[in-house]
Amino acid sequence: MSLKKIFHKDILWFFGIILMDQLSKIIVKQQMVPGESIPVIADIFHFTYVLNPGAAFGILEYQRAFFVFAGIAILGAAVYFYPRLRRMDLWLHYGAIALLGGAAGNLIDRIQNGLVVDFFDFRIWPVFNIADIAIVAGIGSMIYAILFRMKDEDIEEPRHEI
């Protein structure tokens, strides 16, 4: 497969995650009010509109500047390392793209109003969104690639001869 086709697939994957995330959040914001909860399966799964001021599990609440800076730094690093990433194991490659798409989806929320819209509520776990799913799936895919698919020479830095 040509590099041009890989790049196009990567762009579609990245922006597809952002699009699904942002469209789902628009629907939630238009159809619900913050704090509203709609049972899908009573006491098991609800759609609950939450405005999250922090990161996972609500940590670092109201640290908007930190999250915006961190998100932009991560996306910048991804652009810088993309040429190397596209040559890596596909589980690592697409895991990283999923992670970045999810990070970008939540970054958009933070830039817009400092809060992330969450709505999937399994009642025993903090409320989350599609971007969060992409982040977790991406990290899981990357861990799988590193532990089970990649060889040591795939992970080591290239050596430069003097």
N, C-alpha and C. Protein backbone atom coordinates (compact mmCIF):
# COMPACT_ATOMS: atom_id res chain seq x y z
N MET A 1 0.85 -1.18 0.00
CA MET A 1 0.00 0.00 0.00
C MET A 1 0.90 1.25 0.00
N SER A 2 0.55 2.22 -0.78
CA SER A 2 1.38 3.42 -0.89
C SER A 2 1.25 4.29 0.36
N LEU A 3 2.27 5.09 0.59
CA LEU A 3 2.26 6.00 1.73
C LEU A 3 1.10 6.98 1.65
N LYS A 4 0.76 7.38 0.44
CA LYS A 4 -0.35 8.33 0.26
C LYS A 4 -1.67 7.71 0.73
N LYS A 5 -1.89 6.43 0.41
CA LYS A 5 -3.11 5.76 0.85
C LYS A 5 -3.12 5.58 2.37
N ILE A 6 -1.97 5.24 2.95
CA ILE A 6 -1.89 5.10 4.40
C ILE A 6 -2.22 6.43 5.06
N PHE A 7 -1.64 7.52 4.54
CA PHE A 7 -1.89 8.83 5.10
C PHE A 7 -3.38 9.17 5.03
N HIS A 8 -4.01 8.88 3.90
CA HIS A 8 -5.44 9.17 3.76
C HIS A 8 -6.28 8.35 4.74
N LYS A 9 -5.93 7.08 4.93
CA LYS A 9 -6.65 6.24 5.89
C LYS A 9 -6.47 6.79 7.31
N ASP A 10 -5.27 7.23 7.61
CA ASP A 10 -4.99 7.78 8.93
C ASP A 10 -5.81 9.04 9.18
N ILE A 11 -5.86 9.91 8.19
CA ILE A 11 -6.63 11.15 8.31
C ILE A 11 -8.11 10.84 8.49
N LEU A 12 -8.63 9.88 7.71
CA LEU A 12 -10.04 9.50 7.85
C LEU A 12 -10.32 8.92 9.24
N TRP A 13 -9.45 8.08 9.73
CA TRP A 13 -9.59 7.48 11.06
C TRP A 13 -9.58 8.56 12.13
N PHE A 14 -8.59 9.45 12.08
CA PHE A 14 -8.43 10.54 13.04
C PHE A 14 -9.66 11.45 13.06
N PHE A 15 -10.04 11.97 11.89
CA PHE A 15 -11.16 12.89 11.83
C PHE A 15 -12.50 12.18 12.01
N GLY A 16 -12.57 10.89 11.67
CA GLY A 16 -13.79 10.12 11.93
C GLY A 16 -14.09 10.02 13.41
N ILE A 17 -13.05 9.80 14.21
CA ILE A 17 -13.22 9.74 15.67
C ILE A 17 -13.68 11.09 16.19
N ILE A 18 -13.03 12.16 15.74
CA ILE A 18 -13.42 13.50 16.19
C ILE A 18 -14.86 13.79 15.79
N LEU A 19 -15.24 13.45 14.57
CA LEU A 19 -16.60 13.71 14.08
C LEU A 19 -17.64 12.95 14.90
N MET A 20 -17.41 11.66 15.13
CA MET A 20 -18.37 10.88 15.94
C MET A 20 -18.49 11.47 17.35
N ASP A 21 -17.35 11.82 17.93
CA ASP A 21 -17.34 12.39 19.28
C ASP A 21 -18.11 13.71 19.32
N GLN A 22 -17.78 14.61 18.44
CA GLN A 22 -18.41 15.93 18.47
C GLN A 22 -19.89 15.89 18.11
N LEU A 23 -20.26 15.06 17.14
CA LEU A 23 -21.69 14.94 16.79
C LEU A 23 -22.49 14.37 17.96
N SER A 24 -21.95 13.36 18.64
CA SER A 24 -22.66 12.78 19.78
C SER A 24 -22.82 13.82 20.89
N LYS A 25 -21.82 14.65 21.10
CA LYS A 25 -21.90 15.69 22.13
C LYS A 25 -22.90 16.77 21.74
N ILE A 26 -22.96 17.12 20.47
CA ILE A 26 -23.96 18.10 20.00
C ILE A 26 -25.36 17.58 20.27
N ILE A 27 -25.60 16.31 19.95
CA ILE A 27 -26.92 15.71 20.18
C ILE A 27 -27.27 15.75 21.66
N VAL A 28 -26.32 15.37 22.52
CA VAL A 28 -26.57 15.39 23.96
C VAL A 28 -26.89 16.80 24.42
N LYS A 29 -26.12 17.79 23.98
CA LYS A 29 -26.34 19.18 24.40
C LYS A 29 -27.68 19.73 23.91
N GLN A 30 -28.13 19.27 22.74
CA GLN A 30 -29.40 19.75 22.19
C GLN A 30 -30.61 19.06 22.82
N GLN A 31 -30.46 17.82 23.23
CA GLN A 31 -31.60 17.03 23.69
C GLN A 31 -31.71 16.93 25.21
N MET A 32 -30.66 17.29 25.94
CA MET A 32 -30.66 17.10 27.39
C MET A 32 -30.19 18.37 28.08
N VAL A 33 -30.39 18.42 29.38
CA VAL A 33 -29.86 19.50 30.21
C VAL A 33 -28.81 18.89 31.14
N PRO A 34 -27.79 19.65 31.52
CA PRO A 34 -26.77 19.10 32.41
C PRO A 34 -27.40 18.48 33.67
N GLY A 35 -26.91 17.29 33.98
CA GLY A 35 -27.42 16.56 35.15
C GLY A 35 -28.57 15.61 34.82
N GLU A 36 -29.19 15.78 33.66
CA GLU A 36 -30.29 14.90 33.28
C GLU A 36 -29.77 13.50 32.98
N SER A 37 -30.54 12.49 33.39
CA SER A 37 -30.16 11.10 33.17
C SER A 37 -31.34 10.35 32.59
N ILE A 38 -31.11 9.67 31.49
CA ILE A 38 -32.16 8.89 30.81
C ILE A 38 -31.79 7.42 30.90
N PRO A 39 -32.59 6.62 31.62
CA PRO A 39 -32.27 5.19 31.71
C PRO A 39 -32.48 4.49 30.37
N VAL A 40 -31.50 3.71 29.95
CA VAL A 40 -31.63 2.86 28.78
C VAL A 40 -31.92 1.45 29.29
N ILE A 41 -31.14 1.00 30.26
CA ILE A 41 -31.38 -0.24 31.00
C ILE A 41 -31.30 0.17 32.47
N ALA A 42 -32.44 0.23 33.13
CA ALA A 42 -32.52 0.76 34.50
C ALA A 42 -31.43 0.20 35.41
N ASP A 43 -30.78 1.10 36.13
CA ASP A 43 -29.74 0.78 37.11
C ASP A 43 -28.49 0.12 36.50
N ILE A 44 -28.42 0.03 35.17
CA ILE A 44 -27.24 -0.55 34.53
C ILE A 44 -26.60 0.44 33.57
N PHE A 45 -27.38 0.99 32.64
CA PHE A 45 -26.84 1.92 31.66
C PHE A 45 -27.80 3.07 31.43
N HIS A 46 -27.28 4.29 31.56
CA HIS A 46 -28.06 5.51 31.34
C HIS A 46 -27.27 6.44 30.41
N PHE A 47 -27.99 7.34 29.76
CA PHE A 47 -27.36 8.51 29.15
C PHE A 47 -27.49 9.61 30.19
N THR A 48 -26.38 10.09 30.70
CA THR A 48 -26.37 11.13 31.73
C THR A 48 -25.47 12.26 31.25
N TYR A 49 -26.04 13.45 31.14
CA TYR A 49 -25.30 14.62 30.65
C TYR A 49 -24.50 15.22 31.80
N VAL A 50 -23.18 15.11 31.68
CA VAL A 50 -22.27 15.63 32.70
C VAL A 50 -21.27 16.57 32.04
N LEU A 51 -20.99 17.69 32.68
CA LEU A 51 -19.95 18.60 32.23
C LEU A 51 -18.75 18.38 33.15
N ASN A 52 -17.71 17.77 32.61
CA ASN A 52 -16.56 17.35 33.40
C ASN A 52 -15.46 18.42 33.35
N PRO A 53 -15.12 19.02 34.50
CA PRO A 53 -14.07 20.04 34.53
C PRO A 53 -12.67 19.47 34.68
N GLY A 54 -12.55 18.13 34.81
CA GLY A 54 -11.25 17.52 35.05
C GLY A 54 -10.89 16.50 33.99
N ALA A 55 -9.96 15.64 34.37
CA ALA A 55 -9.54 14.55 33.48
C ALA A 55 -10.26 13.28 33.91
N ALA A 56 -9.68 12.14 33.59
CA ALA A 56 -10.28 10.86 33.97
C ALA A 56 -10.59 10.84 35.45
N PHE A 57 -11.76 10.38 35.79
CA PHE A 57 -12.23 10.26 37.17
C PHE A 57 -12.29 11.62 37.87
N GLY A 58 -12.33 12.70 37.09
CA GLY A 58 -12.47 14.03 37.67
C GLY A 58 -11.20 14.61 38.28
N ILE A 59 -10.04 13.98 38.04
CA ILE A 59 -8.81 14.51 38.64
C ILE A 59 -8.42 15.82 37.95
N LEU A 60 -7.68 16.64 38.63
CA LEU A 60 -7.19 17.93 38.14
C LEU A 60 -8.33 18.83 37.66
N GLU A 61 -9.36 18.95 38.46
CA GLU A 61 -10.51 19.76 38.07
C GLU A 61 -10.11 21.21 37.83
N TYR A 62 -10.74 21.81 36.83
CA TYR A 62 -10.60 23.22 36.49
C TYR A 62 -9.17 23.63 36.14
N GLN A 63 -8.43 22.73 35.52
CA GLN A 63 -7.06 23.03 35.07
C GLN A 63 -7.06 23.19 33.55
N ARG A 64 -7.95 24.05 33.06
CA ARG A 64 -8.16 24.22 31.62
C ARG A 64 -6.86 24.52 30.87
N ALA A 65 -6.09 25.46 31.34
CA ALA A 65 -4.86 25.84 30.63
C ALA A 65 -3.90 24.65 30.52
N PHE A 66 -3.78 23.89 31.59
CA PHE A 66 -2.91 22.71 31.57
C PHE A 66 -3.38 21.72 30.52
N PHE A 67 -4.69 21.42 30.49
CA PHE A 67 -5.21 20.43 29.55
C PHE A 67 -5.11 20.91 28.11
N VAL A 68 -5.34 22.18 27.86
CA VAL A 68 -5.23 22.70 26.50
C VAL A 68 -3.77 22.64 26.05
N PHE A 69 -2.85 23.08 26.91
CA PHE A 69 -1.42 23.01 26.57
C PHE A 69 -0.99 21.56 26.32
N ALA A 70 -1.37 20.65 27.22
CA ALA A 70 -0.98 19.24 27.09
C ALA A 70 -1.56 18.65 25.80
N GLY A 71 -2.81 18.96 25.50
CA GLY A 71 -3.42 18.44 24.28
C GLY A 71 -2.73 18.92 23.02
N ILE A 72 -2.41 20.21 22.99
CA ILE A 72 -1.71 20.77 21.83
C ILE A 72 -0.31 20.17 21.72
N ALA A 73 0.37 19.99 22.85
CA ALA A 73 1.71 19.40 22.84
C ALA A 73 1.68 17.96 22.32
N ILE A 74 0.69 17.19 22.74
CA ILE A 74 0.57 15.80 22.29
C ILE A 74 0.30 15.75 20.78
N LEU A 75 -0.59 16.61 20.30
CA LEU A 75 -0.88 16.62 18.87
C LEU A 75 0.35 17.09 18.07
N GLY A 76 1.09 18.06 18.60
CA GLY A 76 2.31 18.51 17.94
C GLY A 76 3.36 17.41 17.87
N ALA A 77 3.51 16.68 18.97
CA ALA A 77 4.46 15.56 18.99
C ALA A 77 4.05 14.48 17.98
N ALA A 78 2.76 14.26 17.86
CA ALA A 78 2.28 13.26 16.91
C ALA A 78 2.61 13.64 15.48
N VAL A 79 2.45 14.90 15.15
CA VAL A 79 2.79 15.36 13.81
C VAL A 79 4.30 15.16 13.56
N TYR A 80 5.10 15.49 14.55
CA TYR A 80 6.55 15.35 14.43
C TYR A 80 6.96 13.89 14.24
N PHE A 81 6.36 12.97 15.03
CA PHE A 81 6.75 11.57 14.99
C PHE A 81 5.97 10.74 13.97
N TYR A 82 5.03 11.35 13.27
CA TYR A 82 4.18 10.59 12.33
C TYR A 82 4.99 9.78 11.30
N PRO A 83 6.02 10.34 10.68
CA PRO A 83 6.76 9.54 9.68
C PRO A 83 7.30 8.23 10.27
N ARG A 84 7.74 8.25 11.49
CA ARG A 84 8.23 7.02 12.12
C ARG A 84 7.07 6.12 12.53
N LEU A 85 6.01 6.72 13.03
CA LEU A 85 4.85 5.96 13.51
C LEU A 85 4.22 5.13 12.40
N ARG A 86 4.14 5.69 11.21
CA ARG A 86 3.47 4.98 10.11
C ARG A 86 4.20 3.72 9.69
N ARG A 87 5.47 3.59 10.11
CA ARG A 87 6.25 2.39 9.78
C ARG A 87 6.19 1.34 10.88
N MET A 88 5.50 1.62 11.96
CA MET A 88 5.43 0.72 13.11
C MET A 88 4.32 -0.31 12.91
N ASP A 89 4.23 -1.23 13.84
CA ASP A 89 3.18 -2.24 13.86
C ASP A 89 1.81 -1.56 13.75
N LEU A 90 0.90 -2.17 12.99
CA LEU A 90 -0.42 -1.55 12.78
C LEU A 90 -1.20 -1.35 14.08
N TRP A 91 -1.04 -2.26 15.04
CA TRP A 91 -1.73 -2.09 16.33
C TRP A 91 -1.23 -0.83 17.03
N LEU A 92 0.05 -0.57 16.96
CA LEU A 92 0.62 0.63 17.56
C LEU A 92 0.20 1.86 16.76
N HIS A 93 0.32 1.75 15.45
CA HIS A 93 0.00 2.85 14.54
C HIS A 93 -1.44 3.33 14.72
N TYR A 94 -2.41 2.43 14.58
CA TYR A 94 -3.81 2.85 14.68
C TYR A 94 -4.23 3.10 16.12
N GLY A 95 -3.56 2.46 17.07
CA GLY A 95 -3.80 2.79 18.47
C GLY A 95 -3.43 4.23 18.78
N ALA A 96 -2.29 4.65 18.25
CA ALA A 96 -1.86 6.04 18.44
C ALA A 96 -2.82 7.01 17.78
N ILE A 97 -3.31 6.67 16.60
CA ILE A 97 -4.26 7.55 15.91
C ILE A 97 -5.57 7.63 16.69
N ALA A 98 -6.04 6.51 17.25
CA ALA A 98 -7.26 6.53 18.06
C ALA A 98 -7.05 7.39 19.31
N LEU A 99 -5.91 7.21 19.96
CA LEU A 99 -5.58 8.03 21.13
C LEU A 99 -5.59 9.51 20.78
N LEU A 100 -4.96 9.86 19.67
CA LEU A 100 -4.88 11.26 19.27
C LEU A 100 -6.25 11.82 18.85
N GLY A 101 -7.05 11.01 18.16
CA GLY A 101 -8.39 11.47 17.80
C GLY A 101 -9.24 11.74 19.03
N GLY A 102 -9.14 10.85 20.01
CA GLY A 102 -9.88 11.06 21.26
C GLY A 102 -9.38 12.28 22.01
N ALA A 103 -8.06 12.44 22.08
CA ALA A 103 -7.50 13.61 22.76
C ALA A 103 -7.95 14.90 22.06
N ALA A 104 -7.98 14.88 20.74
CA ALA A 104 -8.42 16.06 19.99
C ALA A 104 -9.90 16.35 20.24
N GLY A 105 -10.72 15.30 20.32
CA GLY A 105 -12.15 15.50 20.60
C GLY A 105 -12.38 16.18 21.93
N ASN A 106 -11.69 15.72 22.96
CA ASN A 106 -11.84 16.35 24.27
C ASN A 106 -11.17 17.73 24.31
N LEU A 107 -10.09 17.91 23.55
CA LEU A 107 -9.43 19.22 23.48
C LEU A 107 -10.38 20.27 22.90
N ILE A 108 -11.15 19.90 21.90
CA ILE A 108 -12.12 20.83 21.32
C ILE A 108 -13.08 21.32 22.40
N ASP A 109 -13.59 20.42 23.24
CA ASP A 109 -14.48 20.82 24.33
C ASP A 109 -13.78 21.78 25.28
N ARG A 110 -12.57 21.46 25.65
CA ARG A 110 -11.83 22.29 26.62
C ARG A 110 -11.57 23.69 26.06
N ILE A 111 -11.24 23.77 24.79
CA ILE A 111 -11.01 25.09 24.17
C ILE A 111 -12.31 25.87 24.12
N GLN A 112 -13.42 25.21 23.78
CA GLN A 112 -14.70 25.89 23.65
C GLN A 112 -15.21 26.45 24.97
N ASN A 113 -15.20 25.63 26.03
CA ASN A 113 -15.80 26.12 27.28
C ASN A 113 -15.11 25.62 28.55
N GLY A 114 -13.98 24.95 28.43
CA GLY A 114 -13.25 24.50 29.61
C GLY A 114 -13.79 23.23 30.24
N LEU A 115 -14.86 22.69 29.70
CA LEU A 115 -15.50 21.49 30.26
C LEU A 115 -15.68 20.45 29.16
N VAL A 116 -15.59 19.18 29.52
CA VAL A 116 -15.79 18.09 28.56
C VAL A 116 -17.19 17.50 28.79
N VAL A 117 -17.91 17.30 27.69
CA VAL A 117 -19.24 16.70 27.75
C VAL A 117 -19.09 15.18 27.83
N ASP A 118 -19.63 14.58 28.89
CA ASP A 118 -19.65 13.13 29.06
C ASP A 118 -21.11 12.69 29.13
N PHE A 119 -21.39 11.44 28.72
CA PHE A 119 -22.79 11.01 28.73
C PHE A 119 -23.02 9.51 28.86
N PHE A 120 -22.04 8.66 28.59
CA PHE A 120 -22.24 7.22 28.79
C PHE A 120 -22.09 6.92 30.27
N ASP A 121 -23.11 6.35 30.86
CA ASP A 121 -23.13 6.16 32.31
C ASP A 121 -23.52 4.72 32.65
N PHE A 122 -22.54 3.93 33.07
CA PHE A 122 -22.80 2.55 33.46
C PHE A 122 -23.04 2.40 34.96
N ARG A 123 -23.23 3.50 35.64
CA ARG A 123 -23.62 3.57 37.06
C ARG A 123 -22.54 3.10 38.03
N ILE A 124 -21.63 2.26 37.63
CA ILE A 124 -20.57 1.79 38.53
C ILE A 124 -19.22 2.36 38.12
N TRP A 125 -19.22 3.24 37.13
CA TRP A 125 -18.00 3.78 36.55
C TRP A 125 -18.24 5.25 36.27
N PRO A 126 -17.23 6.09 36.29
CA PRO A 126 -17.45 7.50 35.93
C PRO A 126 -18.03 7.64 34.52
N VAL A 127 -18.83 8.67 34.32
CA VAL A 127 -19.46 8.94 33.03
C VAL A 127 -18.37 9.31 32.02
N PHE A 128 -18.53 8.85 30.77
CA PHE A 128 -17.50 9.07 29.76
C PHE A 128 -18.13 9.34 28.40
N ASN A 129 -17.29 9.52 27.36
CA ASN A 129 -17.78 9.86 26.02
C ASN A 129 -17.02 9.06 24.96
N ILE A 130 -17.31 9.31 23.69
CA ILE A 130 -16.68 8.59 22.60
C ILE A 130 -15.17 8.87 22.53
N ALA A 131 -14.77 10.11 22.80
CA ALA A 131 -13.34 10.43 22.81
C ALA A 131 -12.62 9.60 23.86
N ASP A 132 -13.23 9.43 25.02
CA ASP A 132 -12.62 8.63 26.08
C ASP A 132 -12.47 7.17 25.65
N ILE A 133 -13.47 6.66 24.95
CA ILE A 133 -13.39 5.28 24.44
C ILE A 133 -12.22 5.15 23.47
N ALA A 134 -12.07 6.13 22.57
CA ALA A 134 -10.96 6.10 21.61
C ALA A 134 -9.62 6.15 22.32
N ILE A 135 -9.52 6.98 23.36
CA ILE A 135 -8.27 7.09 24.12
C ILE A 135 -7.92 5.76 24.77
N VAL A 136 -8.88 5.16 25.46
CA VAL A 136 -8.63 3.89 26.15
C VAL A 136 -8.34 2.76 25.16
N ALA A 137 -9.11 2.69 24.08
CA ALA A 137 -8.87 1.65 23.07
C ALA A 137 -7.51 1.86 22.42
N GLY A 138 -7.14 3.10 22.15
CA GLY A 138 -5.85 3.39 21.56
C GLY A 138 -4.70 2.99 22.47
N ILE A 139 -4.81 3.32 23.74
CA ILE A 139 -3.76 2.93 24.70
C ILE A 139 -3.69 1.41 24.80
N GLY A 140 -4.85 0.75 24.87
CA GLY A 140 -4.87 -0.71 24.93
C GLY A 140 -4.21 -1.34 23.71
N SER A 141 -4.50 -0.80 22.54
CA SER A 141 -3.91 -1.30 21.30
C SER A 141 -2.40 -1.10 21.29
N MET A 142 -1.96 0.04 21.78
CA MET A 142 -0.52 0.33 21.82
C MET A 142 0.20 -0.60 22.81
N ILE A 143 -0.41 -0.83 23.96
CA ILE A 143 0.18 -1.75 24.93
C ILE A 143 0.27 -3.15 24.35
N TYR A 144 -0.80 -3.60 23.69
CA TYR A 144 -0.79 -4.91 23.05
C TYR A 144 0.34 -5.00 22.04
N ALA A 145 0.50 -3.97 21.21
CA ALA A 145 1.55 -3.98 20.20
C ALA A 145 2.93 -4.07 20.84
N ILE A 146 3.15 -3.28 21.86
CA ILE A 146 4.47 -3.25 22.50
C ILE A 146 4.77 -4.57 23.20
N LEU A 147 3.79 -5.14 23.89
CA LEU A 147 4.03 -6.36 24.66
C LEU A 147 4.07 -7.63 23.82
N PHE A 148 3.24 -7.69 22.78
CA PHE A 148 3.06 -8.97 22.10
C PHE A 148 3.40 -9.00 20.61
N ARG A 149 3.55 -7.87 19.98
CA ARG A 149 3.73 -7.88 18.52
C ARG A 149 5.07 -7.33 18.07
N MET A 150 5.63 -6.43 18.82
CA MET A 150 6.86 -5.78 18.38
C MET A 150 8.09 -6.50 18.93
N LYS A 151 9.15 -6.46 18.14
CA LYS A 151 10.43 -7.01 18.56
C LYS A 151 11.22 -5.89 19.22
N ASP A 152 12.23 -6.26 19.98
CA ASP A 152 13.05 -5.25 20.66
C ASP A 152 13.63 -4.23 19.69
N GLU A 153 14.04 -4.66 18.51
CA GLU A 153 14.64 -3.72 17.56
C GLU A 153 13.61 -2.74 17.01
N ASP A 154 12.30 -3.07 17.10
CA ASP A 154 11.26 -2.13 16.67
C ASP A 154 11.10 -0.99 17.66
N ILE A 155 11.48 -1.22 18.91
CA ILE A 155 11.26 -0.26 19.98
C ILE A 155 12.49 0.62 20.20
N GLU A 156 13.68 0.06 19.99
CA GLU A 156 14.91 0.80 20.25
C GLU A 156 15.05 2.00 19.31
N GLU A 157 15.74 3.01 19.80
CA GLU A 157 16.05 4.18 19.00
C GLU A 157 17.06 3.79 17.91
N PRO A 158 16.99 4.38 16.75
CA PRO A 158 17.99 4.10 15.72
C PRO A 158 19.36 4.58 16.18
N ARG A 159 20.38 3.83 15.87
CA ARG A 159 21.74 4.17 16.27
C ARG A 159 22.43 4.90 15.13
N HIS A 160 23.13 5.95 15.48
CA HIS A 160 23.89 6.71 14.49
C HIS A 160 25.37 6.40 14.65
N GLU A 161 25.99 6.08 13.56
CA GLU A 161 27.43 5.79 13.61
C GLU A 161 28.22 7.07 13.54
N ILE A 162 29.34 7.06 14.23
CA ILE A 162 30.19 8.24 14.28
C ILE A 162 31.24 8.18 13.20
